[in-house]
């Protein structure tokens, strides 16, 4: 019984760390993957490097973005940081 009481603070700290750090990071990662998989042609996107453009074509792991109306660039899906929504 003394061993269980001695381990109780460590267990409580592990559970607290799970809810404070690990769980929110996993939720954010799932949301990011879902956003990257739901991108469609014509969406306005921003890459993780800050490049703004419009999605021109999609492949399994790559996305073609048109920048400045004429320049077509190829990016990995993971390089898309966010999709801009028109309001």
N, C-alpha and C. Protein backbone atom coordinates (compact mmCIF):
# COMPACT_ATOMS: atom_id res chain seq x y z
N UNK A 1 0.82 -1.20 0.00
CA UNK A 1 0.00 0.00 0.00
C UNK A 1 0.87 1.26 0.00
N UNK A 2 1.99 1.19 0.73
CA UNK A 2 2.88 2.35 0.77
C UNK A 2 3.48 2.64 -0.61
N UNK A 3 3.73 1.60 -1.38
CA UNK A 3 4.28 1.78 -2.73
C UNK A 3 3.28 2.52 -3.61
N UNK A 4 2.01 2.15 -3.50
CA UNK A 4 0.97 2.80 -4.29
C UNK A 4 0.84 4.27 -3.91
N UNK A 5 0.90 4.57 -2.64
CA UNK A 5 0.83 5.96 -2.18
C UNK A 5 2.06 6.73 -2.65
N UNK A 6 3.21 6.08 -2.72
CA UNK A 6 4.44 6.72 -3.18
C UNK A 6 4.41 7.02 -4.68
N UNK A 7 3.72 6.17 -5.44
CA UNK A 7 3.64 6.37 -6.89
C UNK A 7 2.49 7.29 -7.30
N UNK A 8 1.58 7.56 -6.39
CA UNK A 8 0.42 8.39 -6.71
C UNK A 8 0.79 9.78 -7.23
N UNK A 9 1.73 10.51 -6.65
CA UNK A 9 2.09 11.82 -7.21
C UNK A 9 2.65 11.74 -8.64
N UNK A 10 3.42 10.70 -8.91
CA UNK A 10 3.97 10.53 -10.25
C UNK A 10 2.85 10.25 -11.24
N UNK A 11 1.91 9.40 -10.87
CA UNK A 11 0.77 9.11 -11.74
C UNK A 11 -0.08 10.35 -11.99
N UNK A 12 -0.30 11.14 -10.97
CA UNK A 12 -1.07 12.37 -11.12
C UNK A 12 -0.35 13.33 -12.05
N UNK A 13 0.97 13.45 -11.92
CA UNK A 13 1.73 14.33 -12.80
C UNK A 13 1.66 13.85 -14.26
N UNK A 14 1.73 12.54 -14.48
CA UNK A 14 1.64 12.00 -15.83
C UNK A 14 0.27 12.30 -16.45
N UNK A 15 -0.79 12.11 -15.70
CA UNK A 15 -2.14 12.40 -16.21
C UNK A 15 -2.28 13.89 -16.50
N UNK A 16 -1.77 14.73 -15.63
CA UNK A 16 -1.84 16.18 -15.85
C UNK A 16 -1.06 16.57 -17.10
N UNK A 17 0.12 16.03 -17.30
CA UNK A 17 0.91 16.33 -18.50
C UNK A 17 0.18 15.86 -19.76
N UNK A 18 -0.50 14.73 -19.66
CA UNK A 18 -1.25 14.21 -20.81
C UNK A 18 -2.32 15.22 -21.23
N UNK A 19 -3.09 15.72 -20.28
CA UNK A 19 -4.18 16.63 -20.60
C UNK A 19 -3.70 18.04 -20.94
N UNK A 20 -2.55 18.44 -20.44
CA UNK A 20 -2.06 19.79 -20.68
C UNK A 20 -1.23 19.88 -21.97
N UNK A 21 -0.40 18.88 -22.25
CA UNK A 21 0.53 18.97 -23.38
C UNK A 21 0.21 18.01 -24.53
N UNK A 22 0.11 16.75 -24.26
CA UNK A 22 0.05 15.75 -25.31
C UNK A 22 -1.30 15.76 -26.03
N UNK A 23 -2.38 15.75 -25.32
CA UNK A 23 -3.70 15.68 -25.94
C UNK A 23 -4.00 16.86 -26.85
N UNK A 24 -3.77 18.12 -26.43
CA UNK A 24 -4.01 19.24 -27.36
C UNK A 24 -3.13 19.19 -28.61
N UNK A 25 -1.89 18.74 -28.47
CA UNK A 25 -1.01 18.63 -29.64
C UNK A 25 -1.52 17.59 -30.62
N UNK A 26 -2.03 16.48 -30.12
CA UNK A 26 -2.59 15.46 -31.00
C UNK A 26 -3.83 15.96 -31.71
N UNK A 27 -4.68 16.70 -31.01
CA UNK A 27 -5.89 17.25 -31.64
C UNK A 27 -5.52 18.24 -32.73
N UNK A 28 -4.54 19.09 -32.49
CA UNK A 28 -4.12 20.06 -33.49
C UNK A 28 -3.52 19.36 -34.70
N UNK A 29 -2.74 18.32 -34.49
CA UNK A 29 -2.15 17.57 -35.59
C UNK A 29 -3.23 16.91 -36.44
N UNK A 30 -4.26 16.35 -35.82
CA UNK A 30 -5.37 15.74 -36.57
C UNK A 30 -6.11 16.79 -37.39
N UNK A 31 -6.33 17.97 -36.82
CA UNK A 31 -7.01 19.03 -37.55
C UNK A 31 -6.18 19.49 -38.75
N UNK A 32 -4.88 19.58 -38.59
CA UNK A 32 -4.00 19.99 -39.69
C UNK A 32 -4.03 18.97 -40.82
N UNK A 33 -3.95 17.69 -40.48
CA UNK A 33 -3.99 16.64 -41.51
C UNK A 33 -5.34 16.65 -42.22
N UNK A 34 -6.42 16.85 -41.47
CA UNK A 34 -7.75 16.90 -42.08
C UNK A 34 -7.85 18.10 -43.04
N UNK A 35 -7.32 19.25 -42.64
CA UNK A 35 -7.34 20.44 -43.49
C UNK A 35 -6.54 20.19 -44.76
N UNK A 36 -5.36 19.58 -44.64
CA UNK A 36 -4.53 19.33 -45.80
C UNK A 36 -5.16 18.33 -46.76
N UNK A 37 -5.91 17.38 -46.23
CA UNK A 37 -6.56 16.40 -47.09
C UNK A 37 -7.84 16.92 -47.72
N UNK A 38 -8.41 17.99 -47.21
CA UNK A 38 -9.67 18.51 -47.75
C UNK A 38 -9.45 19.68 -48.72
N UNK A 39 -8.21 19.99 -49.06
CA UNK A 39 -7.92 21.07 -49.99
C UNK A 39 -8.44 20.68 -51.38
N UNK A 40 -9.04 21.64 -52.06
CA UNK A 40 -9.54 21.39 -53.41
C UNK A 40 -9.07 22.49 -54.35
N UNK A 41 -9.22 22.24 -55.63
CA UNK A 41 -8.79 23.19 -56.65
C UNK A 41 -9.53 24.52 -56.48
N UNK A 42 -8.80 25.61 -56.57
CA UNK A 42 -9.38 26.94 -56.44
C UNK A 42 -9.28 27.53 -55.05
N UNK A 43 -8.90 26.73 -54.06
CA UNK A 43 -8.75 27.25 -52.69
C UNK A 43 -7.56 28.20 -52.61
N UNK A 44 -7.72 29.24 -51.83
CA UNK A 44 -6.62 30.15 -51.53
C UNK A 44 -5.90 29.59 -50.31
N UNK A 45 -4.58 29.38 -50.43
CA UNK A 45 -3.82 28.76 -49.35
C UNK A 45 -2.58 29.60 -49.01
N UNK A 46 -2.06 29.32 -47.82
CA UNK A 46 -0.80 29.91 -47.37
C UNK A 46 0.09 28.74 -46.96
N UNK A 47 1.31 28.72 -47.49
CA UNK A 47 2.25 27.66 -47.12
C UNK A 47 2.86 27.96 -45.75
N UNK A 48 3.56 26.98 -45.22
CA UNK A 48 4.20 27.20 -43.92
C UNK A 48 5.32 28.21 -44.02
N UNK A 49 5.78 28.48 -45.24
CA UNK A 49 6.81 29.50 -45.47
C UNK A 49 6.23 30.89 -45.69
N UNK A 50 4.88 31.00 -45.74
CA UNK A 50 4.23 32.30 -45.88
C UNK A 50 3.86 32.66 -47.30
N UNK A 51 3.99 31.75 -48.25
CA UNK A 51 3.66 32.02 -49.64
C UNK A 51 2.16 31.89 -49.86
N UNK A 52 1.54 32.93 -50.42
CA UNK A 52 0.11 32.92 -50.70
C UNK A 52 -0.11 32.53 -52.15
N UNK A 53 -1.15 31.70 -52.40
CA UNK A 53 -1.44 31.31 -53.76
C UNK A 53 -2.77 30.59 -53.86
N UNK A 54 -3.10 30.20 -55.09
CA UNK A 54 -4.35 29.50 -55.37
C UNK A 54 -4.02 28.10 -55.87
N UNK A 55 -4.73 27.11 -55.35
CA UNK A 55 -4.50 25.72 -55.73
C UNK A 55 -4.93 25.53 -57.18
N UNK A 56 -4.02 25.01 -58.00
CA UNK A 56 -4.30 24.78 -59.41
C UNK A 56 -4.55 23.31 -59.70
N UNK A 57 -3.77 22.42 -59.10
CA UNK A 57 -3.91 20.99 -59.34
C UNK A 57 -3.49 20.22 -58.09
N UNK A 58 -4.01 19.01 -57.97
CA UNK A 58 -3.71 18.17 -56.81
C UNK A 58 -3.18 16.82 -57.25
N UNK A 59 -2.21 16.31 -56.53
CA UNK A 59 -1.72 14.95 -56.67
C UNK A 59 -1.83 14.29 -55.31
N UNK A 60 -1.42 13.03 -55.22
CA UNK A 60 -1.52 12.33 -53.94
C UNK A 60 -0.74 13.03 -52.83
N UNK A 61 0.50 13.37 -53.11
CA UNK A 61 1.34 13.98 -52.08
C UNK A 61 1.76 15.41 -52.40
N UNK A 62 1.36 15.91 -53.56
CA UNK A 62 1.80 17.24 -53.98
C UNK A 62 0.62 18.11 -54.38
N UNK A 63 0.84 19.41 -54.29
CA UNK A 63 -0.16 20.41 -54.68
C UNK A 63 0.54 21.45 -55.54
N UNK A 64 -0.10 21.80 -56.65
CA UNK A 64 0.42 22.86 -57.51
C UNK A 64 -0.32 24.15 -57.17
N UNK A 65 0.46 25.20 -56.91
CA UNK A 65 -0.10 26.50 -56.52
C UNK A 65 0.28 27.54 -57.56
N UNK A 66 -0.70 28.36 -57.93
CA UNK A 66 -0.43 29.47 -58.84
C UNK A 66 -0.21 30.72 -58.00
N UNK A 67 0.94 31.35 -58.24
CA UNK A 67 1.31 32.55 -57.51
C UNK A 67 1.43 33.69 -58.51
N UNK A 68 0.90 34.82 -58.17
CA UNK A 68 1.04 36.02 -58.99
C UNK A 68 0.36 35.86 -60.36
N UNK A 69 -0.64 34.98 -60.42
CA UNK A 69 -1.42 34.85 -61.63
C UNK A 69 -0.81 34.04 -62.75
N UNK A 70 0.49 33.74 -62.68
CA UNK A 70 1.10 33.02 -63.78
C UNK A 70 2.16 32.01 -63.36
N UNK A 71 2.77 32.16 -62.24
CA UNK A 71 3.82 31.27 -61.79
C UNK A 71 3.21 30.06 -61.08
N UNK A 72 3.56 28.86 -61.56
CA UNK A 72 3.00 27.62 -61.00
C UNK A 72 4.11 26.91 -60.21
N UNK A 73 3.85 26.67 -58.93
CA UNK A 73 4.84 26.04 -58.05
C UNK A 73 4.29 24.74 -57.49
N UNK A 74 5.17 23.78 -57.26
CA UNK A 74 4.79 22.48 -56.71
C UNK A 74 5.23 22.39 -55.25
N UNK A 75 4.29 22.03 -54.37
CA UNK A 75 4.57 21.89 -52.94
C UNK A 75 4.07 20.54 -52.45
N UNK A 76 4.68 20.04 -51.41
CA UNK A 76 4.15 18.87 -50.72
C UNK A 76 2.90 19.28 -49.95
N UNK A 77 1.97 18.37 -49.76
CA UNK A 77 0.75 18.69 -49.01
C UNK A 77 1.07 19.19 -47.60
N UNK A 78 2.09 18.62 -46.98
CA UNK A 78 2.45 19.01 -45.62
C UNK A 78 2.96 20.43 -45.54
N UNK A 79 3.28 21.04 -46.68
CA UNK A 79 3.79 22.42 -46.69
C UNK A 79 2.66 23.44 -46.63
N UNK A 80 1.41 23.01 -46.72
CA UNK A 80 0.28 23.93 -46.65
C UNK A 80 -0.03 24.20 -45.18
N UNK A 81 0.07 25.47 -44.81
CA UNK A 81 -0.15 25.84 -43.41
C UNK A 81 -1.60 26.12 -43.08
N UNK A 82 -2.31 26.74 -44.03
CA UNK A 82 -3.73 27.03 -43.78
C UNK A 82 -4.43 27.37 -45.09
N UNK A 83 -5.74 27.21 -45.06
CA UNK A 83 -6.58 27.58 -46.18
C UNK A 83 -7.29 28.87 -45.80
N UNK A 84 -7.20 29.86 -46.68
CA UNK A 84 -7.86 31.14 -46.41
C UNK A 84 -9.32 31.04 -46.79
N UNK A 85 -10.16 31.57 -45.93
CA UNK A 85 -11.59 31.58 -46.20
C UNK A 85 -12.04 32.99 -46.50
N UNK A 86 -12.83 33.12 -47.53
CA UNK A 86 -13.38 34.43 -47.90
C UNK A 86 -14.53 34.76 -46.97
N UNK A 87 -14.57 35.99 -46.46
CA UNK A 87 -15.65 36.39 -45.56
C UNK A 87 -16.46 37.49 -46.18
